[in-house]
Every structure is written in structure tokens, then in C-alpha cells.
């Protein structure tokens, strides 16, 4: 049987076989993609919808409530040297988390070069910055609960929905950062031991001599940082 003629564009056959081949191209393209990298993209897509629902719900509640909404600049002000500085703690937290994206980029870069020591160091720095962010968020929560009396079910400064929105959105994001820190430490340990170079059996290893798991962790970490930028803009600056 004669084979269908190939076109010069993309080397696809003409007619119906070409349509079928075109629609199945994704299957061919993803054959060499590690399963954990493909699953990470699917997870990040679903997580985008969840955070979008949270932020849209927050904006809807704030715009529709008749009770005065607390001013975030006053609520999250920090007293330093006898002066109240609005959003200073949140600004520092944002700077730390964005800086961790830079160290994660360096970790992925040295992972491509198969430099175990530098990849380990920058993964460790990224985890440390993430842990610092979570610690500062815990301080922020403690201050809001103990000093301001805000609860998920109530708020003495105005609209009751403020407390539930704050703890739900920042808590969900803080959980993502905490989980990311744990996984960064696991991957860093595997990099330092050389598990990625010899394809040692176990969790989060990957193909021999390939540092794709570091790149996959980079995708997760950049996503978490980007989400925080939106939270900072919508919740704290609005």
C-alpha cells in the first residue's frame, strides 16, 4: 500500500492522516517528559484555579460588605523605634520570598551543569529563605490574634469577613511554602549524596545523571512566589 504523501511543513501526511497526526503530536511531544514534571504542571494549573477562587471571593466580599473594612496599612503596621511603619513586615516578607526565586534559579542553573555542591548550596539557601518567610508569617498571625483580637469568625476592627479571608488565603499559601521547604530539603539531600547522578532508587530521584527534579521544584517554587505577589497586591495594597 502506498504511503500518504508528506508535506514540507512538519513532515505530516496529507488529508485525514495528517489531521490525526497533528492532534496526536502532544502525545509524541510528552513521551520524553518525566512523569513528575507533567504532573507538576497539572497540579500548578489546578492550584491556579483554587487561588483565583480565593482572591476573587475576597474581592467580592470586600466590595459587597456594608460594614467598614479594616485598613491593611494600619492593621499590619509594625512599631519600630517608637514609630508605626505601615506594611514594613509584609514588605520584608515579600522581598525575602522574591529573593528565594533568584536562588532557586541559580540552583536549577547549576543543576543543568551537574554541579552538585553549588546546586545543594542554593537549594539550601532557598529553603532557608522560605522557612524565614513562614516564621515571619507566624509572627504576623500571632500579632494579629494576640494584639488585635482578630479571629477567623470575628474581627473587632470592622467586617467579620476580614479575619476569615486573611487566615484562609495566607494560611493556604503558607502551607504551600512550608511543603515546598520540606521538599527542597529532601531534594538538596539527594543532590549532595549523588542520588541523581547514579539514579538511586527512591522518592524524587529521576533519570541517571539528570537533574530534572531540581527544575520541577523550581516550577513549584516560582509558582508559590508569583501567587504571593498577587496576594500582596490584592490583600495588602488594596
Protein backbone atom coordinates (compact mmCIF):
# COMPACT_ATOMS: atom_id res chain seq x y z
CA UNK A 1 0.00 0.00 0.00
CA UNK A 2 1.30 3.41 -0.96
CA UNK A 3 2.23 5.64 1.97
CA UNK A 4 0.46 9.04 2.28
CA UNK A 5 2.49 11.87 0.81
CA UNK A 6 4.34 14.02 3.32
CA UNK A 7 4.12 17.79 3.29
CA UNK A 8 7.09 20.07 3.75
CA UNK A 9 5.62 21.65 6.89
CA UNK A 10 6.18 19.50 9.95
CA UNK A 11 6.56 16.34 7.83
CA UNK A 12 2.88 15.40 8.34
CA UNK A 13 0.90 13.31 5.82
CA UNK A 14 -1.84 14.96 3.81
CA UNK A 15 -5.58 14.60 4.37
CA UNK A 16 -7.21 12.83 7.31
CA UNK A 17 -4.00 11.02 8.39
CA UNK A 18 -2.37 14.44 8.70
CA UNK A 19 -5.17 15.70 10.95
CA UNK A 20 -4.85 12.63 13.18
CA UNK A 21 -1.07 13.01 13.34
CA UNK A 22 -1.40 16.70 14.17
CA UNK A 23 -3.82 16.08 17.04
CA UNK A 24 -1.64 13.31 18.45
CA UNK A 25 1.51 15.42 18.36
CA UNK A 26 1.17 16.28 22.07
CA UNK A 27 1.36 12.59 22.92
CA UNK A 28 4.62 12.30 20.99
CA UNK A 29 5.99 15.52 22.45
CA UNK A 30 5.42 14.42 26.06
CA UNK A 31 6.89 10.93 25.68
CA UNK A 32 10.28 12.11 26.91
CA UNK A 33 8.91 14.33 29.70
CA UNK A 34 9.33 12.81 33.21
CA UNK A 35 6.02 11.89 34.81
CA UNK A 36 6.65 14.12 37.85
CA UNK A 37 7.24 17.17 35.65
CA UNK A 38 4.00 16.62 33.73
CA UNK A 39 2.13 16.05 37.00
CA UNK A 40 3.60 19.25 38.43
CA UNK A 41 2.21 21.27 35.52
CA UNK A 42 -1.22 19.72 36.05
CA UNK A 43 -1.03 20.42 39.78
CA UNK A 44 0.01 24.04 39.25
CA UNK A 45 -2.85 24.55 36.81
CA UNK A 46 -5.40 23.23 39.31
CA UNK A 47 -3.80 25.28 42.11
CA UNK A 48 -4.10 28.40 39.96
CA UNK A 49 -7.86 27.90 39.86
CA UNK A 50 -8.01 27.48 43.65
CA UNK A 51 -6.03 30.64 44.42
CA UNK A 52 -8.01 32.54 41.80
CA UNK A 53 -11.26 31.49 43.50
CA UNK A 54 -9.89 32.63 46.87
CA UNK A 55 -8.82 36.06 45.61
CA UNK A 56 -11.98 36.63 43.57
CA UNK A 57 -14.09 35.65 46.60
CA UNK A 58 -12.10 38.06 48.75
CA UNK A 59 -12.63 40.93 46.32
CA UNK A 60 -16.34 40.14 46.05
CA UNK A 61 -16.83 40.04 49.83
CA UNK A 62 -14.88 43.23 50.40
CA UNK A 63 -16.73 45.10 47.67
CA UNK A 64 -20.18 43.95 48.81
CA UNK A 65 -19.98 44.23 52.62
CA UNK A 66 -21.70 47.21 54.25
CA UNK A 67 -19.51 47.05 57.37
CA UNK A 68 -16.29 49.12 57.18
CA UNK A 69 -13.28 47.09 56.06
CA UNK A 70 -10.10 47.47 58.15
CA UNK A 71 -7.28 49.41 56.54
CA UNK A 72 -4.45 46.88 55.89
CA UNK A 73 -1.83 49.63 56.18
CA UNK A 74 -2.93 50.23 59.77
CA UNK A 75 -3.68 46.63 60.72
CA UNK A 76 -0.31 45.33 59.52
CA UNK A 77 1.78 48.27 60.69
CA UNK A 78 4.80 47.48 62.83
CA UNK A 79 6.09 49.78 65.58
CA UNK A 80 9.83 50.37 65.26
CA UNK A 81 11.78 52.96 67.26
CA UNK A 82 8.54 54.47 68.50
CA UNK A 83 7.03 54.93 65.03
CA UNK A 84 4.35 52.90 63.28
CA UNK A 85 5.59 51.82 59.85
CA UNK A 86 2.80 50.52 57.60
CA UNK A 87 3.32 47.14 55.89
CA UNK A 88 7.03 47.02 56.73
CA UNK A 89 6.85 43.38 57.84
CA UNK A 90 4.88 42.39 54.73
CA UNK A 91 7.38 44.24 52.51
CA UNK A 92 10.29 42.37 54.09
CA UNK A 93 8.47 39.05 53.72
CA UNK A 94 7.82 39.81 50.04
CA UNK A 95 11.47 40.75 49.46
CA UNK A 96 12.64 37.51 51.09
CA UNK A 97 10.30 35.33 49.04
CA UNK A 98 11.18 37.05 45.75
CA UNK A 99 14.88 36.70 46.61
CA UNK A 100 14.33 32.97 47.09
CA UNK A 101 13.18 32.80 43.45
CA UNK A 102 16.60 34.11 42.45
CA UNK A 103 18.44 31.47 44.48
CA UNK A 104 16.12 28.81 43.03
CA UNK A 105 17.07 29.94 39.51
CA UNK A 106 20.74 29.53 40.43
CA UNK A 107 20.06 26.06 41.84
CA UNK A 108 18.39 25.00 38.58
CA UNK A 109 21.21 26.56 36.56
CA UNK A 110 23.91 24.65 38.43
CA UNK A 111 21.73 21.56 38.25
CA UNK A 112 21.88 21.76 34.47
CA UNK A 113 25.67 21.92 34.79
CA UNK A 114 25.59 18.93 37.18
CA UNK A 115 27.45 20.90 39.83
CA UNK A 116 26.34 19.02 42.93
CA UNK A 117 27.84 21.28 45.58
CA UNK A 118 26.55 24.60 44.22
CA UNK A 119 23.14 23.09 43.45
CA UNK A 120 22.94 21.85 47.04
CA UNK A 121 24.02 25.21 48.46
CA UNK A 122 21.45 27.23 46.53
CA UNK A 123 18.68 24.73 47.29
CA UNK A 124 19.58 25.07 50.96
CA UNK A 125 19.56 28.88 50.76
CA UNK A 126 16.17 28.78 49.02
CA UNK A 127 14.79 26.53 51.76
CA UNK A 128 16.21 28.83 54.45
CA UNK A 129 14.57 31.89 52.86
CA UNK A 130 11.28 30.01 52.60
CA UNK A 131 11.48 28.97 56.27
CA UNK A 132 12.23 32.59 57.21
CA UNK A 133 9.13 33.70 55.33
CA UNK A 134 6.97 31.13 57.18
CA UNK A 135 8.46 32.22 60.51
CA UNK A 136 7.64 35.86 59.81
CA UNK A 137 4.13 34.85 58.76
CA UNK A 138 3.73 33.02 62.08
CA UNK A 139 4.81 36.23 63.86
CA UNK A 140 2.25 38.18 61.80
CA UNK A 141 -0.52 35.73 62.74
CA UNK A 142 0.44 35.84 66.43
CA UNK A 143 0.42 39.64 66.45
CA UNK A 144 -2.95 39.78 64.73
CA UNK A 145 -4.53 37.21 67.07
CA UNK A 146 -2.99 38.30 70.37
CA UNK A 147 -2.73 42.08 69.93
CA UNK A 148 -5.60 42.88 67.57
CA UNK A 149 -8.04 40.14 68.63
CA UNK A 150 -8.77 39.00 65.07
CA UNK A 151 -10.27 35.53 64.69
CA UNK A 152 -11.50 33.51 61.68
CA UNK A 153 -15.06 34.05 62.94
CA UNK A 154 -14.77 37.66 64.11
CA UNK A 155 -12.95 40.94 63.86
CA UNK A 156 -13.15 43.81 66.39
CA UNK A 157 -11.86 46.32 63.83
CA UNK A 158 -14.73 46.03 61.35
CA UNK A 159 -16.07 43.47 58.89
CA UNK A 160 -16.06 39.94 60.31
CA UNK A 161 -15.09 38.52 56.89
CA UNK A 162 -11.67 40.15 57.20
CA UNK A 163 -10.43 37.50 59.63
CA UNK A 164 -11.75 34.51 57.71
CA UNK A 165 -10.38 35.84 54.41
CA UNK A 166 -6.97 36.62 55.88
CA UNK A 167 -6.43 33.29 57.64
CA UNK A 168 -7.78 31.25 54.72
CA UNK A 169 -5.72 32.92 51.98
CA UNK A 170 -2.43 33.44 53.83
CA UNK A 171 -2.74 30.09 55.62
CA UNK A 172 -3.25 28.19 52.37
CA UNK A 173 -0.27 29.95 50.82
CA UNK A 174 1.87 29.44 53.93
CA UNK A 175 1.10 25.72 53.77
CA UNK A 176 2.39 25.65 50.19
CA UNK A 177 5.62 27.39 51.24
CA UNK A 178 6.10 25.00 54.19
CA UNK A 179 5.61 21.93 51.98
CA UNK A 180 8.00 23.45 49.43
CA UNK A 181 10.68 23.93 52.11
CA UNK A 182 10.40 20.27 53.13
CA UNK A 183 10.71 19.06 49.53
CA UNK A 184 13.62 21.43 48.86
CA UNK A 185 15.50 19.91 51.79
CA UNK A 186 14.77 16.38 50.53
CA UNK A 187 15.98 17.23 47.01
CA UNK A 188 19.05 19.05 48.38
CA UNK A 189 19.99 15.98 50.41
CA UNK A 190 19.64 13.73 47.37
CA UNK A 191 21.76 16.11 45.28
CA UNK A 192 24.54 16.18 47.87
CA UNK A 193 24.56 12.37 48.22
CA UNK A 194 24.80 11.97 44.45
CA UNK A 195 21.49 10.12 44.13
CA UNK A 196 20.68 11.99 40.91
CA UNK A 197 24.00 11.07 39.34
CA UNK A 198 23.66 7.33 39.84
CA UNK A 199 19.84 7.06 39.57
CA UNK A 200 19.50 5.70 43.08
CA UNK A 201 16.11 4.10 43.73
CA UNK A 202 13.73 6.10 45.86
CA UNK A 203 11.45 9.11 46.01
CA UNK A 204 12.32 12.23 43.94
CA UNK A 205 15.30 10.81 42.08
CA UNK A 206 14.68 10.74 38.33
CA UNK A 207 16.79 9.52 35.45
CA UNK A 208 20.50 8.85 35.81
CA UNK A 209 22.67 11.95 35.57
CA UNK A 210 19.62 14.17 35.12
CA UNK A 211 18.67 16.99 37.47
CA UNK A 212 15.11 17.35 36.19
CA UNK A 213 13.69 17.06 39.70
CA UNK A 214 15.51 20.30 40.60
CA UNK A 215 13.85 22.01 37.64
CA UNK A 216 10.47 20.60 38.71
CA UNK A 217 10.95 22.02 42.21
CA UNK A 218 11.84 25.32 40.57
CA UNK A 219 8.48 25.36 38.78
CA UNK A 220 6.68 24.84 42.09
CA UNK A 221 8.70 27.46 43.94
CA UNK A 222 8.29 30.15 41.28
CA UNK A 223 4.55 29.49 41.27
CA UNK A 224 4.36 29.94 45.05
CA UNK A 225 6.31 33.21 44.79
CA UNK A 226 4.11 34.51 41.97
CA UNK A 227 0.95 33.72 43.94
CA UNK A 228 2.30 35.73 46.87
CA UNK A 229 2.79 38.75 44.60
CA UNK A 230 -0.92 38.62 43.73
CA UNK A 231 -1.87 38.17 47.41
CA UNK A 232 0.33 41.13 48.35
CA UNK A 233 -1.25 43.31 45.66
CA UNK A 234 -4.88 42.32 46.32
CA UNK A 235 -4.99 41.80 50.08
CA UNK A 236 -2.40 44.20 51.47
CA UNK A 237 -2.24 47.07 48.96
CA UNK A 238 -5.94 47.35 48.09
